[in-house]
Amino acid sequence: MSHDHDHDHDHDPSSPALRAEALEALLVEKGLLTPEEVDAVLTQYGERVGPLNGARVVARAWVDEAYRARLLEEGTAAAAELGIKGGPGGQMERLVVVENSPSVHNVVVCTLCSCYPWALLGLPPRWYKDPAYRSRIVREPRAVLREFGLEVSKEKAVRVWDSSAEVRYLVLPERPEGTEGFDEDALAALVAREAMIGVALVSGPAVTP
């Protein structure tokens, strides 16, 4: 795990993130927006629109073994094959994809701020930026994952990857059972942002009685 961060961008007054926070505070202060309205927009782009790119990447890797190999070898280039390009704004100059397996579960954090592959996952969730998550997931990952509702067996190793200004990480979840006949669109619809950060699994299709 790398802890060599370059976080000068987070203290730069010209940083888009800082400017956005300042504008949000001003609009709320003047009564032009409410915190609830801001949260609704963040939910729309952070949980619905944004993560669709990452879900497309995961779905392609599940159905195309050659693409999966390229994704694990050079994540940025593989994402670009699907038209997903990060650049400085998308925070994806170097994307490393780590694969879950029956013996290993991966989870991602940024221990000092909120480095995150925006182009793939949309806006980072509030809990990802929370100091408690950033510190505890490194020290007691199984306990934190349990709080998210994910119990990782003792037989399975847990690896924590620390994102930085130089490297962003994406978790390639395990493909759930019962999806053998699914096409890419159907598979992508199953993949939530949390599974690509590593705090959840991808659930299979619901079974109707």
Protein backbone atom coordinates (compact mmCIF):
# COMPACT_ATOMS: atom_id res chain seq x y z
CA MET A 1 0.00 0.00 0.00
CA SER A 2 1.36 3.38 -0.95
CA HIS A 3 1.08 6.34 1.40
CA ASP A 4 3.15 8.76 -0.70
CA HIS A 5 0.50 11.37 -1.41
CA ASP A 6 0.69 14.71 -3.15
CA HIS A 7 -2.29 16.62 -1.82
CA ASP A 8 -1.27 20.18 -2.63
CA HIS A 9 -4.25 20.35 -4.98
CA ASP A 10 -6.59 20.15 -1.98
CA HIS A 11 -5.24 23.39 -0.52
CA ASP A 12 -5.04 25.33 -3.78
CA PRO A 13 -7.70 28.08 -3.88
CA SER A 14 -8.10 27.39 -7.62
CA SER A 15 -8.97 23.73 -6.95
CA PRO A 16 -12.36 22.92 -8.54
CA ALA A 17 -13.38 21.03 -5.39
CA LEU A 18 -12.66 23.99 -3.11
CA ARG A 19 -14.39 26.44 -5.45
CA ALA A 20 -17.45 24.18 -5.62
CA GLU A 21 -17.60 23.92 -1.82
CA ALA A 22 -17.31 27.71 -1.47
CA LEU A 23 -20.08 28.28 -4.02
CA GLU A 24 -22.31 25.73 -2.32
CA ALA A 25 -21.81 27.41 1.07
CA LEU A 26 -22.60 30.83 -0.40
CA LEU A 27 -25.79 29.67 -2.13
CA VAL A 28 -27.00 27.94 1.03
CA GLU A 29 -26.16 30.99 3.14
CA LYS A 30 -28.19 33.25 0.81
CA GLY A 31 -31.14 30.88 0.89
CA LEU A 32 -30.95 30.05 -2.81
CA LEU A 33 -30.33 26.37 -2.10
CA THR A 34 -30.95 24.06 0.82
CA PRO A 35 -28.54 21.34 1.97
CA GLU A 36 -31.24 18.81 1.06
CA GLU A 37 -31.34 20.05 -2.54
CA VAL A 38 -27.56 19.81 -2.76
CA ASP A 39 -27.68 16.25 -1.40
CA ALA A 40 -30.31 15.32 -4.01
CA VAL A 41 -28.05 16.50 -6.84
CA LEU A 42 -25.06 14.69 -5.34
CA THR A 43 -27.12 11.51 -5.11
CA GLN A 44 -28.23 11.83 -8.74
CA TYR A 45 -24.73 12.23 -10.11
CA GLY A 46 -22.83 10.29 -7.47
CA GLU A 47 -24.97 7.18 -7.19
CA ARG A 48 -26.93 6.98 -10.44
CA VAL A 49 -25.20 8.69 -13.36
CA GLY A 50 -21.50 8.60 -12.44
CA PRO A 51 -21.01 4.93 -11.47
CA LEU A 52 -22.49 3.73 -14.75
CA ASN A 53 -19.10 4.15 -16.43
CA GLY A 54 -17.41 1.93 -13.87
CA ALA A 55 -20.22 -0.61 -14.14
CA ARG A 56 -19.70 -0.77 -17.92
CA VAL A 57 -16.01 -1.52 -17.38
CA VAL A 58 -16.80 -4.27 -14.87
CA ALA A 59 -19.44 -5.84 -17.10
CA ARG A 60 -17.08 -5.88 -20.09
CA ALA A 61 -14.37 -7.54 -17.98
CA TRP A 62 -16.83 -10.22 -16.90
CA VAL A 63 -17.77 -11.19 -20.45
CA ASP A 64 -14.50 -10.59 -22.29
CA GLU A 65 -11.45 -12.39 -20.90
CA ALA A 66 -9.02 -10.53 -23.16
CA TYR A 67 -10.43 -7.18 -22.03
CA ARG A 68 -10.21 -8.29 -18.39
CA ALA A 69 -6.51 -9.08 -18.85
CA ARG A 70 -5.89 -5.65 -20.40
CA LEU A 71 -7.85 -3.96 -17.63
CA LEU A 72 -5.77 -5.60 -14.91
CA GLU A 73 -2.55 -4.80 -16.75
CA GLU A 74 -3.28 -1.18 -17.73
CA GLY A 75 -6.50 0.16 -16.31
CA THR A 76 -6.39 3.65 -17.80
CA ALA A 77 -5.94 2.39 -21.35
CA ALA A 78 -8.61 -0.29 -20.95
CA ALA A 79 -11.14 2.28 -19.67
CA ALA A 80 -10.27 4.50 -22.64
CA GLU A 81 -11.26 1.64 -24.96
CA LEU A 82 -14.83 2.24 -23.79
CA GLY A 83 -14.53 6.00 -24.29
CA ILE A 84 -13.87 6.71 -20.61
CA LYS A 85 -11.01 9.13 -20.15
CA GLY A 86 -10.11 10.74 -16.86
CA GLY A 87 -7.51 13.44 -17.27
CA PRO A 88 -6.85 15.79 -14.31
CA GLY A 89 -10.55 16.49 -13.80
CA GLY A 90 -11.50 12.82 -13.87
CA GLN A 91 -8.63 11.86 -11.57
CA MET A 92 -7.68 8.82 -13.61
CA GLU A 93 -4.22 9.56 -14.99
CA ARG A 94 -3.13 6.15 -13.67
CA LEU A 95 -5.88 3.68 -12.90
CA VAL A 96 -5.00 0.41 -11.20
CA VAL A 97 -7.69 -2.28 -11.14
CA VAL A 98 -7.56 -4.89 -8.38
CA GLU A 99 -9.59 -8.07 -8.71
CA ASN A 100 -11.64 -9.79 -6.04
CA SER A 101 -11.42 -13.56 -5.96
CA PRO A 102 -12.49 -16.45 -3.72
CA SER A 103 -9.29 -15.91 -1.70
CA VAL A 104 -8.90 -12.10 -1.75
CA HIS A 105 -11.21 -9.16 -1.08
CA ASN A 106 -10.01 -5.67 -2.01
CA VAL A 107 -11.16 -2.33 -0.64
CA VAL A 108 -10.09 1.21 -1.55
CA VAL A 109 -9.48 4.30 0.58
CA CYS A 110 -7.62 7.58 0.43
CA THR A 111 -6.14 7.99 3.88
CA LEU A 112 -5.35 11.70 3.64
CA CYS A 113 -8.17 13.20 1.57
CA SER A 114 -10.51 11.77 -1.09
CA CYS A 115 -8.50 10.78 -4.18
CA TYR A 116 -10.98 8.87 -6.31
CA PRO A 117 -11.61 7.94 -9.99
CA TRP A 118 -14.42 10.42 -10.69
CA ALA A 119 -14.63 9.53 -14.39
CA LEU A 120 -15.61 5.98 -13.45
CA LEU A 121 -17.53 6.37 -10.19
CA GLY A 122 -18.96 9.88 -10.22
CA LEU A 123 -18.80 12.00 -7.09
CA PRO A 124 -17.19 10.38 -4.05
CA PRO A 125 -19.70 9.43 -1.34
CA ARG A 126 -19.63 11.40 1.88
CA TRP A 127 -18.51 8.40 3.92
CA TYR A 128 -15.45 7.95 1.65
CA LYS A 129 -14.23 11.39 2.74
CA ASP A 130 -15.04 10.84 6.41
CA PRO A 131 -11.94 10.76 8.66
CA ALA A 132 -13.32 7.75 10.52
CA TYR A 133 -13.49 5.64 7.35
CA ARG A 134 -10.10 6.85 6.13
CA SER A 135 -8.36 5.85 9.34
CA ARG A 136 -10.29 2.79 10.45
CA ILE A 137 -10.45 0.87 7.16
CA VAL A 138 -6.66 0.56 7.29
CA ARG A 139 -6.50 -0.52 10.95
CA GLU A 140 -9.58 -2.73 11.18
CA PRO A 141 -10.89 -3.40 7.68
CA ARG A 142 -13.03 -6.40 8.59
CA ALA A 143 -14.84 -4.47 11.30
CA VAL A 144 -15.52 -1.52 9.00
CA LEU A 145 -16.73 -3.78 6.20
CA ARG A 146 -19.02 -5.49 8.69
CA GLU A 147 -20.56 -2.09 9.46
CA PHE A 148 -21.33 -1.78 5.75
CA GLY A 149 -23.09 -5.14 5.97
CA LEU A 150 -20.26 -7.13 4.38
CA GLU A 151 -18.89 -10.07 6.36
CA VAL A 152 -15.57 -11.31 4.93
CA SER A 153 -14.65 -14.82 6.00
CA LYS A 154 -11.45 -15.33 7.97
CA GLU A 155 -10.19 -17.59 5.20
CA LYS A 156 -10.24 -14.70 2.73
CA ALA A 157 -7.46 -12.07 2.80
CA VAL A 158 -8.46 -8.40 2.89
CA ARG A 159 -6.23 -5.98 1.01
CA VAL A 160 -6.58 -2.22 1.49
CA TRP A 161 -5.39 0.02 -1.36
CA ASP A 162 -4.54 3.65 -0.62
CA SER A 163 -5.36 5.99 -3.49
CA SER A 164 -3.13 8.98 -4.10
CA ALA A 165 -2.75 11.90 -6.50
CA GLU A 166 -0.68 9.61 -8.72
CA VAL A 167 -2.73 6.40 -8.59
CA ARG A 168 -6.46 5.69 -8.41
CA TYR A 169 -7.84 2.23 -7.68
CA LEU A 170 -10.94 0.40 -8.87
CA VAL A 171 -12.13 -2.93 -7.49
CA LEU A 172 -13.20 -5.53 -10.05
CA PRO A 173 -15.85 -7.46 -8.10
CA GLU A 174 -16.57 -11.14 -8.50
CA ARG A 175 -19.34 -11.92 -10.96
CA PRO A 176 -22.39 -13.17 -9.06
CA GLU A 177 -23.90 -16.57 -9.66
CA GLY A 178 -27.05 -16.80 -11.74
CA THR A 179 -25.91 -14.29 -14.35
CA GLU A 180 -24.58 -16.72 -16.96
CA GLY A 181 -27.09 -15.63 -19.61
CA PHE A 182 -26.87 -11.90 -18.93
CA ASP A 183 -25.61 -9.47 -21.56
CA GLU A 184 -23.34 -6.53 -20.70
CA ASP A 185 -26.19 -4.09 -20.07
CA ALA A 186 -27.92 -6.47 -17.68
CA LEU A 187 -24.66 -7.14 -15.86
CA ALA A 188 -23.80 -3.45 -15.59
CA ALA A 189 -27.20 -2.79 -14.00
CA LEU A 190 -26.20 -5.06 -11.10
CA VAL A 191 -22.95 -3.22 -10.30
CA ALA A 192 -23.21 -0.53 -7.63
CA ARG A 193 -20.54 2.04 -6.81
CA GLU A 194 -19.92 0.49 -3.38
CA ALA A 195 -18.87 -2.81 -4.97
CA MET A 196 -16.27 -0.99 -7.07
CA ILE A 197 -14.85 0.64 -3.94
CA GLY A 198 -14.94 -2.70 -2.15
CA VAL A 199 -17.38 -2.12 0.71
CA ALA A 200 -20.05 -4.33 -0.87
CA LEU A 201 -20.48 -7.32 -3.17
CA VAL A 202 -22.46 -7.50 -6.37
CA SER A 203 -25.72 -9.28 -5.73
CA GLY A 204 -27.15 -11.74 -8.20
CA PRO A 205 -30.61 -11.43 -9.74
CA ALA A 206 -33.54 -11.62 -7.38
CA VAL A 207 -35.20 -15.02 -7.32
CA THR A 208 -38.98 -14.90 -7.49
CA PRO A 209 -40.87 -17.63 -5.67
